[in-house]
């Protein structure tokens, strides 16, 4: 792929992955990171966020190589929870750009509709909480409003889509949730913004999981596999990838061995593994 096309890709920031997917992912992609528990989908997002924010901090005048801004949206976690997890799990060389990451914490709205006591997640009284919501009385409405204010050419991480999907899994709510994702898939092209959706496999009904996969531009699946000697190995599959799947298929780049370390974060093997 020539250099002009390469510049149009948004890098994931993962050094072992970007070169084999022609420099990165198409900007404006709605990417589903679907995975077994502990298989690496969270670490993929963490590593991408850490390395892109570090590169953006080091090269603020090079917007073609990194997203304009990196945004991290949580629905049940606080910003401090996420930062604490990352700084304890990874080397300071990886985490030093995290101060440039923009956080949106929607957990107060998420928990307002649950039986969780108010003093577990907010220091405000319920009246103040309702006043602070503004015109949005649902978490999807609040999320849509915040997304619309994020600058174009950014990277956005949903940590996690599992939280949202399970809250809307009832038939009366699922239609609105699916419509929201379809609208997001459409508008990301206009925004030239890439979105990572982290979803734990097996929690939703299979039909709902398939519908989310169908809506997404890319589906990357993270799983555990048994290896020789009975050891478990993390692997990553490209199940779907808008505009990149022909390149991946032609070069047998469909499945990769994965390892996670504190020094490098998420790392894929350059050895081709053919399904």
C-alpha atoms as a PDB file:
ATOM      1  CA  UNK A   1       0.000   0.000   0.000  1.00  0.00           C
ATOM      2  CA  UNK A   2       1.497   3.356  -0.993  1.00  0.00           C
ATOM      3  CA  UNK A   3       2.356   6.097   1.473  1.00  0.00           C
ATOM      4  CA  UNK A   4      -0.661   8.227   0.596  1.00  0.00           C
ATOM      5  CA  UNK A   5      -3.042   5.422   1.549  1.00  0.00           C
ATOM      6  CA  UNK A   6      -0.968   4.588   4.633  1.00  0.00           C
ATOM      7  CA  UNK A   7      -1.383   8.124   5.954  1.00  0.00           C
ATOM      8  CA  UNK A   8      -5.136   7.687   5.855  1.00  0.00           C
ATOM      9  CA  UNK A   9      -4.968   4.868   8.382  1.00  0.00           C
ATOM     10  CA  UNK A  10      -5.335   5.489  12.109  1.00  0.00           C
ATOM     11  CA  UNK A  11      -2.631   3.538  13.944  1.00  0.00           C
ATOM     12  CA  UNK A  12      -3.605   1.394  16.897  1.00  0.00           C
ATOM     13  CA  UNK A  13      -0.251   2.328  18.399  1.00  0.00           C
ATOM     14  CA  UNK A  14       0.612  -1.352  18.931  1.00  0.00           C
ATOM     15  CA  UNK A  15       4.049  -1.773  17.270  1.00  0.00           C
ATOM     16  CA  UNK A  16       3.674  -5.482  16.532  1.00  0.00           C
ATOM     17  CA  UNK A  17       0.247  -5.044  14.908  1.00  0.00           C
ATOM     18  CA  UNK A  18       0.187  -1.853  12.826  1.00  0.00           C
ATOM     19  CA  UNK A  19       2.822  -2.958  10.253  1.00  0.00           C
ATOM     20  CA  UNK A  20       0.901  -6.128   9.385  1.00  0.00           C
ATOM     21  CA  UNK A  21      -2.436  -4.324   8.944  1.00  0.00           C
ATOM     22  CA  UNK A  22      -0.968  -1.755   6.563  1.00  0.00           C
ATOM     23  CA  UNK A  23      -0.319   0.931   9.149  1.00  0.00           C
ATOM     24  CA  UNK A  24      -3.484   0.851  11.194  1.00  0.00           C
ATOM     25  CA  UNK A  25      -7.263   0.836  10.860  1.00  0.00           C
ATOM     26  CA  UNK A  26      -9.534   2.894   8.581  1.00  0.00           C
ATOM     27  CA  UNK A  27     -10.499   6.089  10.459  1.00  0.00           C
ATOM     28  CA  UNK A  28     -14.176   6.195  11.287  1.00  0.00           C
ATOM     29  CA  UNK A  29     -14.315   2.491  12.189  1.00  0.00           C
ATOM     30  CA  UNK A  30     -16.696   1.165  14.833  1.00  0.00           C
ATOM     31  CA  UNK A  31     -14.563  -1.689  16.186  1.00  0.00           C
ATOM     32  CA  UNK A  32     -15.981  -4.427  18.390  1.00  0.00           C
ATOM     33  CA  UNK A  33     -13.371  -5.948  20.696  1.00  0.00           C
ATOM     34  CA  UNK A  34     -15.145  -9.182  21.611  1.00  0.00           C
ATOM     35  CA  UNK A  35     -13.435 -11.537  23.989  1.00  0.00           C
ATOM     36  CA  UNK A  36     -13.419 -14.324  26.520  1.00  0.00           C
ATOM     37  CA  UNK A  37     -12.732 -13.144  30.056  1.00  0.00           C
ATOM     38  CA  UNK A  38      -9.042 -12.320  30.474  1.00  0.00           C
ATOM     39  CA  UNK A  39      -8.173 -13.140  26.853  1.00  0.00           C
ATOM     40  CA  UNK A  40      -6.859  -9.674  26.005  1.00  0.00           C
ATOM     41  CA  UNK A  41      -9.572  -7.377  24.631  1.00  0.00           C
ATOM     42  CA  UNK A  42      -9.227  -4.944  27.540  1.00  0.00           C
ATOM     43  CA  UNK A  43      -5.437  -5.002  27.263  1.00  0.00           C
ATOM     44  CA  UNK A  44      -5.675  -4.295  23.526  1.00  0.00           C
ATOM     45  CA  UNK A  45      -7.636  -1.125  24.286  1.00  0.00           C
ATOM     46  CA  UNK A  46      -5.396  -0.186  27.232  1.00  0.00           C
ATOM     47  CA  UNK A  47      -2.217  -0.555  25.176  1.00  0.00           C
ATOM     48  CA  UNK A  48      -3.629   1.385  22.250  1.00  0.00           C
ATOM     49  CA  UNK A  49      -4.715   4.218  24.546  1.00  0.00           C
ATOM     50  CA  UNK A  50      -1.399   4.324  26.411  1.00  0.00           C
ATOM     51  CA  UNK A  51       0.843   4.247  23.342  1.00  0.00           C
ATOM     52  CA  UNK A  52      -1.227   6.634  21.219  1.00  0.00           C
ATOM     53  CA  UNK A  53      -1.500   9.153  24.062  1.00  0.00           C
ATOM     54  CA  UNK A  54       2.258   8.872  24.622  1.00  0.00           C
ATOM     55  CA  UNK A  55       2.961   9.412  20.919  1.00  0.00           C
ATOM     56  CA  UNK A  56       0.497  12.289  20.745  1.00  0.00           C
ATOM     57  CA  UNK A  57       2.204  13.911  23.722  1.00  0.00           C
ATOM     58  CA  UNK A  58       5.624  13.487  22.086  1.00  0.00           C
ATOM     59  CA  UNK A  59       4.483  14.637  18.612  1.00  0.00           C
ATOM     60  CA  UNK A  60       1.599  17.070  19.075  1.00  0.00           C
ATOM     61  CA  UNK A  61       2.163  18.575  15.603  1.00  0.00           C
ATOM     62  CA  UNK A  62       1.735  15.274  13.737  1.00  0.00           C
ATOM     63  CA  UNK A  63      -2.062  14.763  13.615  1.00  0.00           C
ATOM     64  CA  UNK A  64      -1.839  12.468  10.593  1.00  0.00           C
ATOM     65  CA  UNK A  65      -0.045   9.790  12.603  1.00  0.00           C
ATOM     66  CA  UNK A  66      -2.096   9.828  15.790  1.00  0.00           C
ATOM     67  CA  UNK A  67      -5.702  10.655  16.741  1.00  0.00           C
ATOM     68  CA  UNK A  68      -6.335  14.292  17.526  1.00  0.00           C
ATOM     69  CA  UNK A  69      -7.535  13.308  21.005  1.00  0.00           C
ATOM     70  CA  UNK A  70      -8.013  10.068  22.950  1.00  0.00           C
ATOM     71  CA  UNK A  71     -11.231   9.740  24.959  1.00  0.00           C
ATOM     72  CA  UNK A  72     -12.024   7.022  27.488  1.00  0.00           C
ATOM     73  CA  UNK A  73     -15.689   6.559  28.472  1.00  0.00           C
ATOM     74  CA  UNK A  74     -16.677   4.500  31.508  1.00  0.00           C
ATOM     75  CA  UNK A  75     -20.125   3.399  32.671  1.00  0.00           C
ATOM     76  CA  UNK A  76     -19.413   1.694  36.010  1.00  0.00           C
ATOM     77  CA  UNK A  77     -15.790   2.630  36.741  1.00  0.00           C
ATOM     78  CA  UNK A  78     -14.318   5.939  37.852  1.00  0.00           C
ATOM     79  CA  UNK A  79     -11.393   7.669  36.164  1.00  0.00           C
ATOM     80  CA  UNK A  80      -9.250   6.964  39.218  1.00  0.00           C
ATOM     81  CA  UNK A  81     -10.110   3.247  39.048  1.00  0.00           C
ATOM     82  CA  UNK A  82      -8.917   3.032  35.444  1.00  0.00           C
ATOM     83  CA  UNK A  83      -5.750   5.057  36.020  1.00  0.00           C
ATOM     84  CA  UNK A  84      -4.906   3.039  39.123  1.00  0.00           C
ATOM     85  CA  UNK A  85      -5.319  -0.235  37.231  1.00  0.00           C
ATOM     86  CA  UNK A  86      -3.106   0.915  34.367  1.00  0.00           C
ATOM     87  CA  UNK A  87      -0.349   2.413  36.494  1.00  0.00           C
ATOM     88  CA  UNK A  88      -0.143  -0.707  38.663  1.00  0.00           C
ATOM     89  CA  UNK A  89      -0.201  -3.141  35.716  1.00  0.00           C
ATOM     90  CA  UNK A  90       2.145  -1.440  33.242  1.00  0.00           C
ATOM     91  CA  UNK A  91       5.592   0.137  33.204  1.00  0.00           C
ATOM     92  CA  UNK A  92       5.781   3.949  33.640  1.00  0.00           C
ATOM     93  CA  UNK A  93       7.207   4.243  30.112  1.00  0.00           C
ATOM     94  CA  UNK A  94       3.829   3.050  28.816  1.00  0.00           C
ATOM     95  CA  UNK A  95       1.609   5.082  31.122  1.00  0.00           C
ATOM     96  CA  UNK A  96       3.378   8.448  31.006  1.00  0.00           C
ATOM     97  CA  UNK A  97       1.021   9.844  28.347  1.00  0.00           C
ATOM     98  CA  UNK A  98      -2.178   9.065  30.249  1.00  0.00           C
ATOM     99  CA  UNK A  99      -2.533  12.612  31.565  1.00  0.00           C
ATOM    100  CA  UNK A 100      -3.483  13.612  28.009  1.00  0.00           C
ATOM    101  CA  UNK A 101      -6.377  11.125  27.852  1.00  0.00           C
ATOM    102  CA  UNK A 102      -9.817  12.707  28.273  1.00  0.00           C
ATOM    103  CA  UNK A 103     -12.209  10.793  30.548  1.00  0.00           C
ATOM    104  CA  UNK A 104     -15.995  10.746  30.644  1.00  0.00           C
ATOM    105  CA  UNK A 105     -17.491   8.981  33.672  1.00  0.00           C
ATOM    106  CA  UNK A 106     -21.174   8.152  33.172  1.00  0.00           C
ATOM    107  CA  UNK A 107     -21.370   5.805  36.152  1.00  0.00           C
ATOM    108  CA  UNK A 108     -23.619   8.149  38.192  1.00  0.00           C
ATOM    109  CA  UNK A 109     -26.298   7.999  35.484  1.00  0.00           C
ATOM    110  CA  UNK A 110     -25.798   4.250  35.089  1.00  0.00           C
ATOM    111  CA  UNK A 111     -26.231   3.567  38.799  1.00  0.00           C
ATOM    112  CA  UNK A 112     -29.110   6.045  39.221  1.00  0.00           C
ATOM    113  CA  UNK A 113     -31.388   3.509  37.518  1.00  0.00           C
ATOM    114  CA  UNK A 114     -30.218   0.645  39.727  1.00  0.00           C
ATOM    115  CA  UNK A 115     -30.692  -0.427  43.355  1.00  0.00           C
ATOM    116  CA  UNK A 116     -27.141   0.650  44.224  1.00  0.00           C
ATOM    117  CA  UNK A 117     -27.201   3.147  47.157  1.00  0.00           C
ATOM    118  CA  UNK A 118     -26.432   6.720  46.134  1.00  0.00           C
ATOM    119  CA  UNK A 119     -23.548   7.112  48.591  1.00  0.00           C
ATOM    120  CA  UNK A 120     -21.706   4.207  46.905  1.00  0.00           C
ATOM    121  CA  UNK A 121     -21.089   6.150  43.691  1.00  0.00           C
ATOM    122  CA  UNK A 122     -21.789   9.845  44.267  1.00  0.00           C
ATOM    123  CA  UNK A 123     -21.156  12.510  46.899  1.00  0.00           C
ATOM    124  CA  UNK A 124     -24.149  14.540  45.695  1.00  0.00           C
ATOM    125  CA  UNK A 125     -27.727  14.220  46.893  1.00  0.00           C
ATOM    126  CA  UNK A 126     -30.286  12.873  44.436  1.00  0.00           C
ATOM    127  CA  UNK A 127     -31.740  16.339  43.727  1.00  0.00           C
ATOM    128  CA  UNK A 128     -28.319  17.679  42.746  1.00  0.00           C
ATOM    129  CA  UNK A 129     -27.721  14.546  40.669  1.00  0.00           C
ATOM    130  CA  UNK A 130     -30.930  15.080  38.685  1.00  0.00           C
ATOM    131  CA  UNK A 131     -30.137  18.768  38.146  1.00  0.00           C
ATOM    132  CA  UNK A 132     -26.683  17.933  36.784  1.00  0.00           C
ATOM    133  CA  UNK A 133     -28.096  15.677  34.085  1.00  0.00           C
ATOM    134  CA  UNK A 134     -29.330  18.585  32.019  1.00  0.00           C
ATOM    135  CA  UNK A 135     -31.646  17.663  29.152  1.00  0.00           C
ATOM    136  CA  UNK A 136     -30.704  13.967  29.026  1.00  0.00           C
ATOM    137  CA  UNK A 137     -32.629  11.599  31.316  1.00  0.00           C
ATOM    138  CA  UNK A 138     -31.185   8.318  29.996  1.00  0.00           C
ATOM    139  CA  UNK A 139     -27.639   7.053  29.765  1.00  0.00           C
ATOM    140  CA  UNK A 140     -27.882   6.691  25.968  1.00  0.00           C
ATOM    141  CA  UNK A 141     -29.079  10.280  25.672  1.00  0.00           C
ATOM    142  CA  UNK A 142     -26.279  11.533  27.914  1.00  0.00           C
ATOM    143  CA  UNK A 143     -23.735   9.453  25.998  1.00  0.00           C
ATOM    144  CA  UNK A 144     -24.927  10.748  22.625  1.00  0.00           C
ATOM    145  CA  UNK A 145     -24.669  14.325  23.859  1.00  0.00           C
ATOM    146  CA  UNK A 146     -21.122  13.849  25.105  1.00  0.00           C
ATOM    147  CA  UNK A 147     -20.005  12.045  21.942  1.00  0.00           C
ATOM    148  CA  UNK A 148     -21.231  14.885  19.762  1.00  0.00           C
ATOM    149  CA  UNK A 149     -18.928  17.309  21.584  1.00  0.00           C
ATOM    150  CA  UNK A 150     -15.746  15.263  21.032  1.00  0.00           C
ATOM    151  CA  UNK A 151     -13.475  16.688  18.297  1.00  0.00           C
ATOM    152  CA  UNK A 152     -13.314  14.896  14.979  1.00  0.00           C
ATOM    153  CA  UNK A 153     -10.374  12.596  14.154  1.00  0.00           C
ATOM    154  CA  UNK A 154     -10.295  11.191  17.689  1.00  0.00           C
ATOM    155  CA  UNK A 155     -10.163   7.736  19.259  1.00  0.00           C
ATOM    156  CA  UNK A 156     -12.932   6.794  21.704  1.00  0.00           C
ATOM    157  CA  UNK A 157     -12.987   3.746  23.998  1.00  0.00           C
ATOM    158  CA  UNK A 158     -16.195   2.394  25.568  1.00  0.00           C
ATOM    159  CA  UNK A 159     -15.253   0.556  28.783  1.00  0.00           C
ATOM    160  CA  UNK A 160     -17.357  -1.336  28.458  1.00  0.00           C
ATOM    161  CA  UNK A 161     -20.137  -1.976  25.997  1.00  0.00           C
ATOM    162  CA  UNK A 162     -21.034  -4.948  28.201  1.00  0.00           C
ATOM    163  CA  UNK A 163     -22.284  -2.545  30.868  1.00  0.00           C
ATOM    164  CA  UNK A 164     -24.559  -0.740  28.435  1.00  0.00           C
ATOM    165  CA  UNK A 165     -25.760  -3.839  26.604  1.00  0.00           C
ATOM    166  CA  UNK A 166     -26.791  -5.763  29.716  1.00  0.00           C
ATOM    167  CA  UNK A 167     -28.717  -2.734  30.987  1.00  0.00           C
ATOM    168  CA  UNK A 168     -30.659  -2.649  27.698  1.00  0.00           C
ATOM    169  CA  UNK A 169     -30.988  -6.392  27.114  1.00  0.00           C
ATOM    170  CA  UNK A 170     -34.735  -6.439  27.724  1.00  0.00           C
ATOM    171  CA  UNK A 171     -36.784  -6.475  24.529  1.00  0.00           C
ATOM    172  CA  UNK A 172     -38.417  -3.148  25.331  1.00  0.00           C
ATOM    173  CA  UNK A 173     -35.021  -1.439  25.534  1.00  0.00           C
ATOM    174  CA  UNK A 174     -32.923  -3.387  23.046  1.00  0.00           C
ATOM    175  CA  UNK A 175     -34.370  -1.665  19.967  1.00  0.00           C
ATOM    176  CA  UNK A 176     -33.193   1.746  21.187  1.00  0.00           C
ATOM    177  CA  UNK A 177     -29.774   0.349  22.061  1.00  0.00           C
ATOM    178  CA  UNK A 178     -29.306  -1.256  18.622  1.00  0.00           C
ATOM    179  CA  UNK A 179     -30.534   1.920  16.908  1.00  0.00           C
ATOM    180  CA  UNK A 180     -28.015   3.945  18.920  1.00  0.00           C
ATOM    181  CA  UNK A 181     -25.166   1.696  17.736  1.00  0.00           C
ATOM    182  CA  UNK A 182     -26.339   1.907  14.121  1.00  0.00           C
ATOM    183  CA  UNK A 183     -26.436   5.680  14.361  1.00  0.00           C
ATOM    184  CA  UNK A 184     -22.971   5.696  15.916  1.00  0.00           C
ATOM    185  CA  UNK A 185     -21.638   3.441  13.143  1.00  0.00           C
ATOM    186  CA  UNK A 186     -22.920   5.949  10.608  1.00  0.00           C
ATOM    187  CA  UNK A 187     -21.754   9.165  12.238  1.00  0.00           C
ATOM    188  CA  UNK A 188     -18.237   7.944  13.002  1.00  0.00           C
ATOM    189  CA  UNK A 189     -17.563   8.169   9.248  1.00  0.00           C
ATOM    190  CA  UNK A 190     -18.524  11.844   9.262  1.00  0.00           C
ATOM    191  CA  UNK A 191     -16.430  12.450  12.381  1.00  0.00           C
ATOM    192  CA  UNK A 192     -13.480  10.410  11.051  1.00  0.00           C
ATOM    193  CA  UNK A 193     -13.337   9.054  14.589  1.00  0.00           C
ATOM    194  CA  UNK A 194     -12.572   5.458  15.548  1.00  0.00           C
ATOM    195  CA  UNK A 195     -14.457   3.800  18.417  1.00  0.00           C
ATOM    196  CA  UNK A 196     -13.444   0.701  20.391  1.00  0.00           C
ATOM    197  CA  UNK A 197     -16.379  -1.208  21.886  1.00  0.00           C
ATOM    198  CA  UNK A 198     -15.267  -3.697  24.568  1.00  0.00           C
ATOM    199  CA  UNK A 199     -17.724  -6.582  24.941  1.00  0.00           C
ATOM    200  CA  UNK A 200     -17.340  -9.757  27.003  1.00  0.00           C
ATOM    201  CA  UNK A 201     -18.379 -12.811  25.014  1.00  0.00           C
ATOM    202  CA  UNK A 202     -21.166 -15.059  26.311  1.00  0.00           C
ATOM    203  CA  UNK A 203     -22.968 -12.594  28.576  1.00  0.00           C
ATOM    204  CA  UNK A 204     -25.602 -11.524  26.057  1.00  0.00           C
ATOM    205  CA  UNK A 205     -27.931 -13.836  24.156  1.00  0.00           C
ATOM    206  CA  UNK A 206     -26.174 -14.999  21.016  1.00  0.00           C
ATOM    207  CA  UNK A 207     -28.689 -13.193  18.768  1.00  0.00           C
ATOM    208  CA  UNK A 208     -27.880  -9.866  20.429  1.00  0.00           C
ATOM    209  CA  UNK A 209     -24.146 -10.540  20.247  1.00  0.00           C
ATOM    210  CA  UNK A 210     -24.494 -11.284  16.523  1.00  0.00           C
ATOM    211  CA  UNK A 211     -26.513  -8.112  15.962  1.00  0.00           C
ATOM    212  CA  UNK A 212     -23.785  -5.984  17.572  1.00  0.00           C
ATOM    213  CA  UNK A 213     -21.189  -7.763  15.422  1.00  0.00           C
ATOM    214  CA  UNK A 214     -23.273  -7.097  12.320  1.00  0.00           C
ATOM    215  CA  UNK A 215     -23.509  -3.388  13.134  1.00  0.00           C
ATOM    216  CA  UNK A 216     -19.784  -2.995  13.752  1.00  0.00           C
ATOM    217  CA  UNK A 217     -17.277  -2.253  10.979  1.00  0.00           C
ATOM    218  CA  UNK A 218     -14.712  -4.581  12.527  1.00  0.00           C
ATOM    219  CA  UNK A 219     -14.915  -7.528  14.897  1.00  0.00           C
ATOM    220  CA  UNK A 220     -11.733  -8.664  16.618  1.00  0.00           C
ATOM    221  CA  UNK A 221     -12.160 -11.734  18.789  1.00  0.00           C
ATOM    222  CA  UNK A 222      -9.874 -12.545  21.711  1.00  0.00           C
ATOM    223  CA  UNK A 223      -9.870 -16.119  23.005  1.00  0.00           C
ATOM    224  CA  UNK A 224      -8.001 -18.756  24.986  1.00  0.00           C
ATOM    225  CA  UNK A 225      -6.673 -21.864  23.224  1.00  0.00           C
ATOM    226  CA  UNK A 226      -5.009 -25.005  24.548  1.00  0.00           C
ATOM    227  CA  UNK A 227      -1.441 -25.527  23.327  1.00  0.00           C
ATOM    228  CA  UNK A 228       0.989 -28.437  23.424  1.00  0.00           C
ATOM    229  CA  UNK A 229       1.559 -29.493  26.994  1.00  0.00           C
ATOM    230  CA  UNK A 230      -1.850 -28.292  28.145  1.00  0.00           C
ATOM    231  CA  UNK A 231      -0.837 -24.657  28.482  1.00  0.00           C
ATOM    232  CA  UNK A 232      -3.310 -21.926  27.589  1.00  0.00           C
ATOM    233  CA  UNK A 233      -2.431 -19.349  24.935  1.00  0.00           C
ATOM    234  CA  UNK A 234      -4.198 -16.099  24.164  1.00  0.00           C
ATOM    235  CA  UNK A 235      -5.089 -15.697  20.476  1.00  0.00           C
ATOM    236  CA  UNK A 236      -6.641 -12.893  18.450  1.00  0.00           C
ATOM    237  CA  UNK A 237      -8.872 -13.451  15.404  1.00  0.00           C
ATOM    238  CA  UNK A 238      -9.984 -10.948  12.790  1.00  0.00           C
ATOM    239  CA  UNK A 239     -13.573 -12.043  12.205  1.00  0.00           C
ATOM    240  CA  UNK A 240     -14.565  -8.954  10.238  1.00  0.00           C
ATOM    241  CA  UNK A 241     -12.724  -5.823   9.173  1.00  0.00           C
ATOM    242  CA  UNK A 242     -14.166  -3.215   6.825  1.00  0.00           C
ATOM    243  CA  UNK A 243     -11.876  -2.736   3.782  1.00  0.00           C
ATOM    244  CA  UNK A 244      -8.943  -4.587   5.389  1.00  0.00           C
ATOM    245  CA  UNK A 245     -10.247  -8.163   5.312  1.00  0.00           C
ATOM    246  CA  UNK A 246      -9.061  -8.873   1.717  1.00  0.00           C
ATOM    247  CA  UNK A 247      -5.494  -7.884   2.669  1.00  0.00           C
ATOM    248  CA  UNK A 248      -5.636 -10.020   5.811  1.00  0.00           C
ATOM    249  CA  UNK A 249      -7.018 -13.052   3.966  1.00  0.00           C
ATOM    250  CA  UNK A 250      -4.554 -12.792   1.082  1.00  0.00           C
ATOM    251  CA  UNK A 251      -1.638 -12.770   3.512  1.00  0.00           C
ATOM    252  CA  UNK A 252      -3.063 -15.367   5.921  1.00  0.00           C
ATOM    253  CA  UNK A 253      -3.168 -12.717   8.637  1.00  0.00           C
ATOM    254  CA  UNK A 254      -6.371 -13.859  10.296  1.00  0.00           C
ATOM    255  CA  UNK A 255      -5.223 -15.275  13.609  1.00  0.00           C
ATOM    256  CA  UNK A 256      -2.365 -14.263  15.903  1.00  0.00           C
ATOM    257  CA  UNK A 257      -0.806 -15.520  19.102  1.00  0.00           C
ATOM    258  CA  UNK A 258      -1.007 -12.871  21.826  1.00  0.00           C
ATOM    259  CA  UNK A 259       1.011 -12.100  24.923  1.00  0.00           C
ATOM    260  CA  UNK A 260       0.641  -9.383  27.546  1.00  0.00           C
ATOM    261  CA  UNK A 261       3.522  -7.927  29.543  1.00  0.00           C
ATOM    262  CA  UNK A 262       4.026  -4.991  31.879  1.00  0.00           C
ATOM    263  CA  UNK A 263       6.790  -3.548  29.667  1.00  0.00           C
ATOM    264  CA  UNK A 264       5.093  -3.817  26.271  1.00  0.00           C
ATOM    265  CA  UNK A 265       1.407  -4.210  27.048  1.00  0.00           C
ATOM    266  CA  UNK A 266      -0.545  -6.086  24.377  1.00  0.00           C
ATOM    267  CA  UNK A 267       1.716  -7.750  21.823  1.00  0.00           C
ATOM    268  CA  UNK A 268       0.949 -10.020  18.843  1.00  0.00           C
ATOM    269  CA  UNK A 269       3.216 -12.575  17.230  1.00  0.00           C
ATOM    270  CA  UNK A 270       4.460 -11.765  13.736  1.00  0.00           C
ATOM    271  CA  UNK A 271       4.235 -15.476  12.904  1.00  0.00           C
ATOM    272  CA  UNK A 272       1.265 -16.151  10.653  1.00  0.00           C
ATOM    273  CA  UNK A 273      -1.230 -18.567  12.084  1.00  0.00           C
ATOM    274  CA  UNK A 274      -3.600 -19.857   9.408  1.00  0.00           C
ATOM    275  CA  UNK A 275      -7.034 -21.074  10.451  1.00  0.00           C
END
